C-alpha atoms as a PDB file:
ATOM      1  CA  UNK A   1      -5.769 -99.806  20.693  1.00  0.00           C
ATOM      2  CA  UNK A   2      -4.681 -96.585  18.958  1.00  0.00           C
ATOM      3  CA  UNK A   3      -6.065 -94.512  21.840  1.00  0.00           C
ATOM      4  CA  UNK A   4      -4.320 -96.674  24.435  1.00  0.00           C
ATOM      5  CA  UNK A   5      -0.984 -96.304  22.653  1.00  0.00           C
ATOM      6  CA  UNK A   6      -1.418 -92.520  22.442  1.00  0.00           C
ATOM      7  CA  UNK A   7      -2.291 -92.246  26.133  1.00  0.00           C
ATOM      8  CA  UNK A   8       0.653 -94.454  27.093  1.00  0.00           C
ATOM      9  CA  UNK A   9       3.096 -92.296  25.111  1.00  0.00           C
ATOM     10  CA  UNK A  10       1.624 -89.037  26.445  1.00  0.00           C
ATOM     11  CA  UNK A  11       1.888 -90.262  30.037  1.00  0.00           C
ATOM     12  CA  UNK A  12       5.626 -91.032  29.856  1.00  0.00           C
ATOM     13  CA  UNK A  13       7.077 -89.098  32.805  1.00  0.00           C
ATOM     14  CA  UNK A  14      10.659 -88.896  31.509  1.00  0.00           C
ATOM     15  CA  UNK A  15       9.455 -87.636  28.123  1.00  0.00           C
ATOM     16  CA  UNK A  16       7.153 -84.991  29.630  1.00  0.00           C
ATOM     17  CA  UNK A  17       9.869 -83.541  31.849  1.00  0.00           C
ATOM     18  CA  UNK A  18      12.744 -83.762  29.351  1.00  0.00           C
ATOM     19  CA  UNK A  19      11.272 -82.827  25.970  1.00  0.00           C
ATOM     20  CA  UNK A  20      10.357 -79.226  25.098  1.00  0.00           C
ATOM     21  CA  UNK A  21       6.894 -78.605  23.718  1.00  0.00           C
ATOM     22  CA  UNK A  22       6.473 -77.590  20.070  1.00  0.00           C
ATOM     23  CA  UNK A  23       3.256 -75.728  20.780  1.00  0.00           C
ATOM     24  CA  UNK A  24       2.960 -71.963  21.065  1.00  0.00           C
ATOM     25  CA  UNK A  25       3.330 -70.654  24.645  1.00  0.00           C
ATOM     26  CA  UNK A  26       0.041 -70.257  26.470  1.00  0.00           C
ATOM     27  CA  UNK A  27      -1.603 -66.955  27.326  1.00  0.00           C
ATOM     28  CA  UNK A  28      -2.659 -64.038  25.152  1.00  0.00           C
ATOM     29  CA  UNK A  29      -1.409 -60.515  25.846  1.00  0.00           C
ATOM     30  CA  UNK A  30      -3.383 -58.729  28.549  1.00  0.00           C
ATOM     31  CA  UNK A  31      -2.217 -55.078  28.396  1.00  0.00           C
ATOM     32  CA  UNK A  32      -2.138 -52.857  31.462  1.00  0.00           C
ATOM     33  CA  UNK A  33      -4.354 -49.938  30.425  1.00  0.00           C
ATOM     34  CA  UNK A  34      -3.450 -46.614  32.060  1.00  0.00           C
ATOM     35  CA  UNK A  35      -5.949 -43.747  31.725  1.00  0.00           C
ATOM     36  CA  UNK A  36      -4.032 -40.852  33.331  1.00  0.00           C
ATOM     37  CA  UNK A  37      -0.437 -39.967  34.312  1.00  0.00           C
ATOM     38  CA  UNK A  38       1.076 -41.908  37.208  1.00  0.00           C
ATOM     39  CA  UNK A  39      -1.881 -44.257  37.542  1.00  0.00           C
ATOM     40  CA  UNK A  40       0.529 -47.089  36.727  1.00  0.00           C
ATOM     41  CA  UNK A  41       4.318 -47.033  36.907  1.00  0.00           C
ATOM     42  CA  UNK A  42       6.912 -49.787  36.669  1.00  0.00           C
ATOM     43  CA  UNK A  43      10.112 -50.104  38.681  1.00  0.00           C
ATOM     44  CA  UNK A  44      13.146 -52.289  38.015  1.00  0.00           C
ATOM     45  CA  UNK A  45      16.895 -52.511  38.566  1.00  0.00           C
ATOM     46  CA  UNK A  46      19.437 -52.738  35.730  1.00  0.00           C
ATOM     47  CA  UNK A  47      22.732 -54.390  36.614  1.00  0.00           C
ATOM     48  CA  UNK A  48      25.080 -55.177  38.090  1.00  0.00           C
ATOM     49  CA  UNK A  49      27.199 -52.974  35.813  1.00  0.00           C
ATOM     50  CA  UNK A  50      30.937 -52.273  36.134  1.00  0.00           C
ATOM     51  CA  UNK A  51      31.458 -50.342  39.369  1.00  0.00           C
ATOM     52  CA  UNK A  52      31.761 -46.684  38.420  1.00  0.00           C
ATOM     53  CA  UNK A  53      34.301 -44.229  39.782  1.00  0.00           C
ATOM     54  CA  UNK A  54      31.520 -42.951  42.047  1.00  0.00           C
ATOM     55  CA  UNK A  55      30.768 -46.423  43.423  1.00  0.00           C
ATOM     56  CA  UNK A  56      27.527 -47.053  41.502  1.00  0.00           C
ATOM     57  CA  UNK A  57      26.779 -50.552  40.181  1.00  0.00           C
ATOM     58  CA  UNK A  58      23.051 -50.462  39.374  1.00  0.00           C
ATOM     59  CA  UNK A  59      20.455 -48.297  37.665  1.00  0.00           C
ATOM     60  CA  UNK A  60      17.008 -47.921  39.206  1.00  0.00           C
ATOM     61  CA  UNK A  61      14.376 -47.272  36.528  1.00  0.00           C
ATOM     62  CA  UNK A  62      10.838 -45.900  36.905  1.00  0.00           C
ATOM     63  CA  UNK A  63       8.482 -45.813  33.896  1.00  0.00           C
ATOM     64  CA  UNK A  64       5.139 -43.992  33.750  1.00  0.00           C
ATOM     65  CA  UNK A  65       2.822 -46.294  31.770  1.00  0.00           C
ATOM     66  CA  UNK A  66       0.609 -43.466  30.464  1.00  0.00           C
ATOM     67  CA  UNK A  67       3.099 -40.813  29.328  1.00  0.00           C
ATOM     68  CA  UNK A  68       6.165 -43.140  29.077  1.00  0.00           C
ATOM     69  CA  UNK A  69       8.132 -40.664  31.222  1.00  0.00           C
ATOM     70  CA  UNK A  70      11.214 -42.233  32.826  1.00  0.00           C
ATOM     71  CA  UNK A  71      13.225 -41.543  35.959  1.00  0.00           C
ATOM     72  CA  UNK A  72      16.712 -43.093  35.914  1.00  0.00           C
ATOM     73  CA  UNK A  73      18.782 -43.222  39.112  1.00  0.00           C
ATOM     74  CA  UNK A  74      22.361 -44.527  39.497  1.00  0.00           C
ATOM     75  CA  UNK A  75      22.605 -46.450  42.784  1.00  0.00           C
ATOM     76  CA  UNK A  76      25.224 -48.450  44.649  1.00  0.00           C
ATOM     77  CA  UNK A  77      22.971 -51.315  45.774  1.00  0.00           C
ATOM     78  CA  UNK A  78      19.890 -53.099  44.429  1.00  0.00           C
ATOM     79  CA  UNK A  79      17.970 -53.306  47.686  1.00  0.00           C
ATOM     80  CA  UNK A  80      14.453 -52.605  48.878  1.00  0.00           C
ATOM     81  CA  UNK A  81      15.662 -49.695  51.011  1.00  0.00           C
ATOM     82  CA  UNK A  82      17.386 -48.048  48.042  1.00  0.00           C
ATOM     83  CA  UNK A  83      14.307 -48.560  45.868  1.00  0.00           C
ATOM     84  CA  UNK A  84      11.978 -47.066  48.472  1.00  0.00           C
ATOM     85  CA  UNK A  85      14.248 -44.086  49.138  1.00  0.00           C
ATOM     86  CA  UNK A  86      14.539 -43.212  45.437  1.00  0.00           C
ATOM     87  CA  UNK A  87      10.829 -43.784  44.872  1.00  0.00           C
ATOM     88  CA  UNK A  88      10.056 -41.124  47.463  1.00  0.00           C
ATOM     89  CA  UNK A  89      12.673 -38.601  46.268  1.00  0.00           C
ATOM     90  CA  UNK A  90      12.475 -39.090  42.492  1.00  0.00           C
ATOM     91  CA  UNK A  91       8.810 -39.964  41.935  1.00  0.00           C
ATOM     92  CA  UNK A  92       6.578 -39.182  44.897  1.00  0.00           C
ATOM     93  CA  UNK A  93       8.205 -35.831  45.749  1.00  0.00           C
ATOM     94  CA  UNK A  94       8.136 -34.689  42.099  1.00  0.00           C
ATOM     95  CA  UNK A  95       4.965 -36.163  40.665  1.00  0.00           C
ATOM     96  CA  UNK A  96       2.794 -37.167  43.612  1.00  0.00           C
ATOM     97  CA  UNK A  97       1.520 -40.545  44.759  1.00  0.00           C
ATOM     98  CA  UNK A  98       0.938 -43.346  42.274  1.00  0.00           C
ATOM     99  CA  UNK A  99      -2.134 -45.527  42.170  1.00  0.00           C
ATOM    100  CA  UNK A 100      -0.275 -48.726  41.210  1.00  0.00           C
ATOM    101  CA  UNK A 101       3.438 -49.550  41.201  1.00  0.00           C
ATOM    102  CA  UNK A 102       4.481 -52.666  39.239  1.00  0.00           C
ATOM    103  CA  UNK A 103       7.770 -54.344  40.100  1.00  0.00           C
ATOM    104  CA  UNK A 104       9.691 -57.522  39.404  1.00  0.00           C
ATOM    105  CA  UNK A 105       9.302 -60.138  42.124  1.00  0.00           C
ATOM    106  CA  UNK A 106      12.836 -59.423  43.283  1.00  0.00           C
ATOM    107  CA  UNK A 107      12.035 -55.787  44.175  1.00  0.00           C
ATOM    108  CA  UNK A 108       9.816 -55.921  47.234  1.00  0.00           C
ATOM    109  CA  UNK A 109       9.197 -53.020  49.571  1.00  0.00           C
ATOM    110  CA  UNK A 110       6.308 -51.422  51.417  1.00  0.00           C
ATOM    111  CA  UNK A 111       4.807 -48.191  50.046  1.00  0.00           C
ATOM    112  CA  UNK A 112       1.252 -48.473  51.366  1.00  0.00           C
ATOM    113  CA  UNK A 113       1.813 -45.410  53.553  1.00  0.00           C
ATOM    114  CA  UNK A 114       1.914 -43.316  50.373  1.00  0.00           C
ATOM    115  CA  UNK A 115      -1.440 -44.642  49.173  1.00  0.00           C
ATOM    116  CA  UNK A 116       0.100 -46.743  46.407  1.00  0.00           C
ATOM    117  CA  UNK A 117      -0.842 -50.322  45.511  1.00  0.00           C
ATOM    118  CA  UNK A 118       2.249 -52.522  44.945  1.00  0.00           C
ATOM    119  CA  UNK A 119       1.855 -55.211  42.260  1.00  0.00           C
ATOM    120  CA  UNK A 120       4.308 -58.014  41.471  1.00  0.00           C
ATOM    121  CA  UNK A 121       4.899 -59.524  38.045  1.00  0.00           C
ATOM    122  CA  UNK A 122       4.712 -63.314  37.726  1.00  0.00           C
ATOM    123  CA  UNK A 123       7.928 -65.327  37.683  1.00  0.00           C
ATOM    124  CA  UNK A 124       9.729 -65.611  34.320  1.00  0.00           C
ATOM    125  CA  UNK A 125       7.271 -63.327  32.602  1.00  0.00           C
ATOM    126  CA  UNK A 126       8.999 -59.933  32.250  1.00  0.00           C
ATOM    127  CA  UNK A 127       6.378 -58.719  29.743  1.00  0.00           C
ATOM    128  CA  UNK A 128       4.231 -57.952  32.753  1.00  0.00           C
ATOM    129  CA  UNK A 129       6.464 -54.977  33.604  1.00  0.00           C
ATOM    130  CA  UNK A 130       6.962 -52.282  30.928  1.00  0.00           C
ATOM    131  CA  UNK A 131      10.380 -51.287  32.295  1.00  0.00           C
ATOM    132  CA  UNK A 132      11.960 -54.272  30.501  1.00  0.00           C
ATOM    133  CA  UNK A 133      11.937 -52.496  27.128  1.00  0.00           C
ATOM    134  CA  UNK A 134      13.296 -49.274  28.652  1.00  0.00           C
ATOM    135  CA  UNK A 135      16.053 -51.292  30.338  1.00  0.00           C
ATOM    136  CA  UNK A 136      17.183 -52.668  26.980  1.00  0.00           C
ATOM    137  CA  UNK A 137      17.238 -49.164  25.484  1.00  0.00           C
ATOM    138  CA  UNK A 138      19.270 -47.829  28.415  1.00  0.00           C
ATOM    139  CA  UNK A 139      21.863 -50.607  28.096  1.00  0.00           C
ATOM    140  CA  UNK A 140      22.195 -50.035  24.342  1.00  0.00           C
ATOM    141  CA  UNK A 141      22.537 -46.266  24.750  1.00  0.00           C
ATOM    142  CA  UNK A 142      25.116 -46.568  27.541  1.00  0.00           C
ATOM    143  CA  UNK A 143      27.164 -48.851  25.318  1.00  0.00           C
ATOM    144  CA  UNK A 144      27.181 -46.149  22.621  1.00  0.00           C
ATOM    145  CA  UNK A 145      28.084 -43.344  25.050  1.00  0.00           C
ATOM    146  CA  UNK A 146      30.881 -44.830  27.170  1.00  0.00           C
ATOM    147  CA  UNK A 147      33.328 -45.890  24.469  1.00  0.00           C
ATOM    148  CA  UNK A 148      36.393 -47.193  26.317  1.00  0.00           C
ATOM    149  CA  UNK A 149      35.550 -45.437  29.606  1.00  0.00           C
ATOM    150  CA  UNK A 150      33.377 -48.172  31.083  1.00  0.00           C
ATOM    151  CA  UNK A 151      33.581 -46.845  34.641  1.00  0.00           C
ATOM    152  CA  UNK A 152      32.019 -43.510  33.668  1.00  0.00           C
ATOM    153  CA  UNK A 153      28.657 -44.936  32.557  1.00  0.00           C
ATOM    154  CA  UNK A 154      26.731 -43.167  35.352  1.00  0.00           C
ATOM    155  CA  UNK A 155      27.858 -39.741  34.057  1.00  0.00           C
ATOM    156  CA  UNK A 156      25.716 -40.198  30.958  1.00  0.00           C
ATOM    157  CA  UNK A 157      22.401 -41.084  32.603  1.00  0.00           C
ATOM    158  CA  UNK A 158      21.090 -37.508  32.686  1.00  0.00           C
ATOM    159  CA  UNK A 159      21.546 -37.162  28.918  1.00  0.00           C
ATOM    160  CA  UNK A 160      20.010 -40.579  28.336  1.00  0.00           C
ATOM    161  CA  UNK A 161      17.021 -39.570  30.472  1.00  0.00           C
ATOM    162  CA  UNK A 162      16.638 -36.370  28.442  1.00  0.00           C
ATOM    163  CA  UNK A 163      16.748 -38.325  25.171  1.00  0.00           C
ATOM    164  CA  UNK A 164      14.095 -40.810  26.318  1.00  0.00           C
ATOM    165  CA  UNK A 165      11.820 -38.047  27.614  1.00  0.00           C
ATOM    166  CA  UNK A 166      12.006 -35.878  24.485  1.00  0.00           C
ATOM    167  CA  UNK A 167      11.757 -38.573  21.806  1.00  0.00           C
ATOM    168  CA  UNK A 168       8.264 -39.338  20.411  1.00  0.00           C
ATOM    169  CA  UNK A 169       7.035 -42.705  21.667  1.00  0.00           C
ATOM    170  CA  UNK A 170       5.558 -45.206  19.226  1.00  0.00           C
ATOM    171  CA  UNK A 171       2.598 -46.059  21.472  1.00  0.00           C
ATOM    172  CA  UNK A 172       1.465 -42.477  22.170  1.00  0.00           C
ATOM    173  CA  UNK A 173       2.690 -40.576  19.128  1.00  0.00           C
ATOM    174  CA  UNK A 174       4.072 -37.798  21.374  1.00  0.00           C
ATOM    175  CA  UNK A 175       7.044 -37.193  23.639  1.00  0.00           C
ATOM    176  CA  UNK A 176       6.796 -38.116  27.332  1.00  0.00           C
ATOM    177  CA  UNK A 177       7.773 -34.532  28.228  1.00  0.00           C
ATOM    178  CA  UNK A 178       4.853 -33.088  26.264  1.00  0.00           C
ATOM    179  CA  UNK A 179       2.369 -35.563  27.703  1.00  0.00           C
ATOM    180  CA  UNK A 180       3.461 -35.092  31.307  1.00  0.00           C
ATOM    181  CA  UNK A 181       3.796 -31.315  31.228  1.00  0.00           C
ATOM    182  CA  UNK A 182       1.390 -30.486  28.400  1.00  0.00           C
ATOM    183  CA  UNK A 183      -2.307 -29.588  28.674  1.00  0.00           C
ATOM    184  CA  UNK A 184      -5.361 -31.749  29.332  1.00  0.00           C
ATOM    185  CA  UNK A 185      -6.521 -31.762  25.701  1.00  0.00           C
ATOM    186  CA  UNK A 186      -3.574 -34.006  24.835  1.00  0.00           C
ATOM    187  CA  UNK A 187      -4.840 -36.811  27.052  1.00  0.00           C
ATOM    188  CA  UNK A 188      -7.845 -37.642  24.877  1.00  0.00           C
ATOM    189  CA  UNK A 189      -5.490 -38.056  21.936  1.00  0.00           C
ATOM    190  CA  UNK A 190      -3.250 -40.316  24.015  1.00  0.00           C
ATOM    191  CA  UNK A 191      -6.141 -42.541  25.065  1.00  0.00           C
ATOM    192  CA  UNK A 192      -7.109 -43.038  21.421  1.00  0.00           C
ATOM    193  CA  UNK A 193      -3.509 -43.666  20.333  1.00  0.00           C
ATOM    194  CA  UNK A 194      -2.857 -46.116  23.174  1.00  0.00           C
ATOM    195  CA  UNK A 195      -6.071 -47.995  22.473  1.00  0.00           C
ATOM    196  CA  UNK A 196      -5.137 -48.299  18.794  1.00  0.00           C
ATOM    197  CA  UNK A 197      -1.546 -49.271  19.607  1.00  0.00           C
ATOM    198  CA  UNK A 198      -2.596 -51.896  22.148  1.00  0.00           C
ATOM    199  CA  UNK A 199      -5.097 -53.381  19.706  1.00  0.00           C
ATOM    200  CA  UNK A 200      -2.327 -53.712  17.111  1.00  0.00           C
ATOM    201  CA  UNK A 201       0.141 -55.118  19.659  1.00  0.00           C
ATOM    202  CA  UNK A 202      -2.407 -57.636  20.897  1.00  0.00           C
ATOM    203  CA  UNK A 203      -3.173 -58.738  17.332  1.00  0.00           C
ATOM    204  CA  UNK A 204       0.504 -59.426  16.544  1.00  0.00           C
ATOM    205  CA  UNK A 205       1.227 -60.920  19.979  1.00  0.00           C
ATOM    206  CA  UNK A 206      -1.747 -63.272  19.894  1.00  0.00           C
ATOM    207  CA  UNK A 207      -0.717 -64.681  16.503  1.00  0.00           C
ATOM    208  CA  UNK A 208       2.091 -66.478  18.332  1.00  0.00           C
ATOM    209  CA  UNK A 209      -0.068 -67.570  21.261  1.00  0.00           C
ATOM    210  CA  UNK A 210      -2.978 -69.876  21.907  1.00  0.00           C
ATOM    211  CA  UNK A 211      -5.763 -69.831  24.434  1.00  0.00           C
ATOM    212  CA  UNK A 212      -4.882 -72.007  27.437  1.00  0.00           C
ATOM    213  CA  UNK A 213      -6.756 -72.358  30.708  1.00  0.00           C
ATOM    214  CA  UNK A 214      -6.586 -74.678  33.692  1.00  0.00           C
ATOM    215  CA  UNK A 215      -8.933 -75.541  36.531  1.00  0.00           C
ATOM    216  CA  UNK A 216      -8.272 -76.146  40.195  1.00  0.00           C
ATOM    217  CA  UNK A 217      -7.028 -79.719  40.590  1.00  0.00           C
ATOM    218  CA  UNK A 218      -5.412 -79.990  37.145  1.00  0.00           C
ATOM    219  CA  UNK A 219      -1.916 -81.492  36.957  1.00  0.00           C
ATOM    220  CA  UNK A 220       0.676 -79.422  35.108  1.00  0.00           C
ATOM    221  CA  UNK A 221       4.349 -79.332  34.270  1.00  0.00           C
ATOM    222  CA  UNK A 222       6.297 -76.167  35.130  1.00  0.00           C
ATOM    223  CA  UNK A 223       8.982 -74.908  32.782  1.00  0.00           C
ATOM    224  CA  UNK A 224      12.373 -75.312  34.443  1.00  0.00           C
ATOM    225  CA  UNK A 225      15.129 -72.696  34.453  1.00  0.00           C
ATOM    226  CA  UNK A 226      18.228 -74.669  35.527  1.00  0.00           C
ATOM    227  CA  UNK A 227      21.661 -73.130  36.035  1.00  0.00           C
ATOM    228  CA  UNK A 228      24.802 -74.918  34.935  1.00  0.00           C
ATOM    229  CA  UNK A 229      27.440 -75.817  37.510  1.00  0.00           C
ATOM    230  CA  UNK A 230      30.533 -77.226  35.822  1.00  0.00           C
ATOM    231  CA  UNK A 231      32.233 -77.964  39.138  1.00  0.00           C
ATOM    232  CA  UNK A 232      29.378 -80.313  40.047  1.00  0.00           C
ATOM    233  CA  UNK A 233      29.143 -81.813  36.571  1.00  0.00           C
ATOM    234  CA  UNK A 234      25.691 -80.327  35.996  1.00  0.00           C
ATOM    235  CA  UNK A 235      24.834 -78.732  32.650  1.00  0.00           C
ATOM    236  CA  UNK A 236      21.590 -76.866  32.018  1.00  0.00           C
ATOM    237  CA  UNK A 237      21.427 -77.942  28.363  1.00  0.00           C
ATOM    238  CA  UNK A 238      21.119 -81.593  29.409  1.00  0.00           C
ATOM    239  CA  UNK A 239      18.697 -81.045  32.281  1.00  0.00           C
ATOM    240  CA  UNK A 240      14.941 -81.670  32.039  1.00  0.00           C
ATOM    241  CA  UNK A 241      13.105 -78.691  30.545  1.00  0.00           C
ATOM    242  CA  UNK A 242      10.135 -79.169  32.869  1.00  0.00           C
ATOM    243  CA  UNK A 243       9.678 -80.080  36.509  1.00  0.00           C
ATOM    244  CA  UNK A 244       6.687 -81.431  38.339  1.00  0.00           C
ATOM    245  CA  UNK A 245       4.059 -82.548  38.387  1.00  0.00           C
ATOM    246  CA  UNK A 246       2.286 -79.671  40.129  1.00  0.00           C
ATOM    247  CA  UNK A 247      -1.376 -79.277  40.947  1.00  0.00           C
ATOM    248  CA  UNK A 248      -3.376 -76.105  40.305  1.00  0.00           C
ATOM    249  CA  UNK A 249      -4.624 -74.952  43.719  1.00  0.00           C
ATOM    250  CA  UNK A 250      -5.966 -71.514  42.841  1.00  0.00           C
ATOM    251  CA  UNK A 251      -6.849 -69.598  39.684  1.00  0.00           C
ATOM    252  CA  UNK A 252      -5.420 -66.127  40.332  1.00  0.00           C
ATOM    253  CA  UNK A 253      -6.515 -64.669  36.971  1.00  0.00           C
ATOM    254  CA  UNK A 254      -7.023 -65.686  33.351  1.00  0.00           C
ATOM    255  CA  UNK A 255      -3.243 -65.994  33.003  1.00  0.00           C
ATOM    256  CA  UNK A 256      -1.835 -66.721  36.468  1.00  0.00           C
ATOM    257  CA  UNK A 257      -2.128 -69.885  38.558  1.00  0.00           C
ATOM    258  CA  UNK A 258      -1.036 -70.891  42.045  1.00  0.00           C
ATOM    259  CA  UNK A 259       0.662 -74.303  42.249  1.00  0.00           C
ATOM    260  CA  UNK A 260       1.421 -76.992  44.800  1.00  0.00           C
ATOM    261  CA  UNK A 261       4.068 -79.664  44.169  1.00  0.00           C
ATOM    262  CA  UNK A 262       2.434 -83.094  44.106  1.00  0.00           C
ATOM    263  CA  UNK A 263       5.487 -84.960  45.403  1.00  0.00           C
ATOM    264  CA  UNK A 264       5.576 -83.304  48.832  1.00  0.00           C
ATOM    265  CA  UNK A 265       2.742 -80.760  48.934  1.00  0.00           C
ATOM    266  CA  UNK A 266       5.139 -77.796  48.949  1.00  0.00           C
ATOM    267  CA  UNK A 267       3.874 -74.492  47.588  1.00  0.00           C
ATOM    268  CA  UNK A 268       4.977 -73.920  44.008  1.00  0.00           C
ATOM    269  CA  UNK A 269       4.287 -70.188  43.785  1.00  0.00           C
ATOM    270  CA  UNK A 270       2.267 -68.226  41.238  1.00  0.00           C
ATOM    271  CA  UNK A 271       3.161 -68.734  37.576  1.00  0.00           C
ATOM    272  CA  UNK A 272       2.087 -67.361  34.219  1.00  0.00           C
ATOM    273  CA  UNK A 273       0.266 -69.756  31.921  1.00  0.00           C
ATOM    274  CA  UNK A 274       3.062 -69.489  29.331  1.00  0.00           C
ATOM    275  CA  UNK A 275       5.279 -71.529  31.686  1.00  0.00           C
ATOM    276  CA  UNK A 276       2.698 -74.284  32.246  1.00  0.00           C
ATOM    277  CA  UNK A 277       1.702 -77.300  30.153  1.00  0.00           C
ATOM    278  CA  UNK A 278      -0.599 -80.200  31.047  1.00  0.00           C
ATOM    279  CA  UNK A 279       0.847 -83.230  32.851  1.00  0.00           C
ATOM    280  CA  UNK A 280      -0.647 -86.486  31.578  1.00  0.00           C
ATOM    281  CA  UNK A 281      -1.084 -89.730  33.500  1.00  0.00           C
ATOM    282  CA  UNK A 282      -1.914 -93.180  32.204  1.00  0.00           C
ATOM    283  CA  UNK A 283      -5.118 -93.804  34.100  1.00  0.00           C
ATOM    284  CA  UNK A 284      -5.907 -90.425  35.645  1.00  0.00           C
ATOM    285  CA  UNK A 285      -4.215 -91.332  38.933  1.00  0.00           C
ATOM    286  CA  UNK A 286      -0.989 -90.004  40.392  1.00  0.00           C
ATOM    287  CA  UNK A 287       2.245 -91.144  38.688  1.00  0.00           C
ATOM    288  CA  UNK A 288       4.927 -93.278  40.275  1.00  0.00           C
ATOM    289  CA  UNK A 289       7.549 -90.769  41.360  1.00  0.00           C
ATOM    290  CA  UNK A 290      11.031 -91.044  39.988  1.00  0.00           C
ATOM    291  CA  UNK A 291      14.162 -88.941  39.856  1.00  0.00           C
ATOM    292  CA  UNK A 292      12.765 -86.810  37.008  1.00  0.00           C
ATOM    293  CA  UNK A 293      10.028 -85.429  39.249  1.00  0.00           C
ATOM    294  CA  UNK A 294      12.328 -84.074  41.921  1.00  0.00           C
ATOM    295  CA  UNK A 295      13.595 -80.592  41.029  1.00  0.00           C
ATOM    296  CA  UNK A 296      17.327 -80.538  40.445  1.00  0.00           C
ATOM    297  CA  UNK A 297      19.244 -78.651  43.101  1.00  0.00           C
ATOM    298  CA  UNK A 298      20.390 -76.149  40.492  1.00  0.00           C
ATOM    299  CA  UNK A 299      16.893 -75.383  39.241  1.00  0.00           C
ATOM    300  CA  UNK A 300      15.231 -72.190  40.337  1.00  0.00           C
ATOM    301  CA  UNK A 301      12.159 -72.540  42.622  1.00  0.00           C
END
């Protein structure tokens, strides 16, 4: 009887889609390990910012994962063409071809002609791209520089770039400028420092995580990211925190899974395990669909 009651409560569809979980997010940290300069680099846009006097509204950021060297470019548009053009002029022409370029899923462009592998981060998991931390630093520094002249923010980017390149980085123990333009003997030291730093980061990160894995065919709930629309009487704070159910159709890696929506068979994309939790049913069969299972029109795909 106790087991039946527990299973009945766990299988409540409205509860599963509306109540947040109290468990730690799934998925331990899986660091991207770079072993030489420009093996891995991240790319991302910051903005939109107030339109500057020169017409710029965004900042395009490149980060070298090994040396932590940054290239910061003020741009007028956050488009694939702009990203590709600046990649060629600011990175490829100066430093040579990369092995892997990591971008947010919103920054998609073709660079295979330069011999570079383009990798996308998973949705709602910005930790996959190391530019996120640099972006926060850039925003904070701009705020300190501009004062009341908010439309002159792009005039300070060269000084901000210099500061980031010449400040010792916590992960490497040296400045990006020294590591990129120094001598080969420094690289052995960097490898040891990065290995030690990543071990420490993983230890602290994993304290707040738990091991979670799914198999093909498992039913899961997907964390929802609704947007409020006051004109339509829709408020994100009162919307279900999960949507689904979805079925695991492919295990992409230890942390990433490809989903299909059970209700209509539509593809659900690739998602990090931290955004997935099991979906329970009363008898192991498919649930009776109700309004909770259909994604709200204001929820992101």
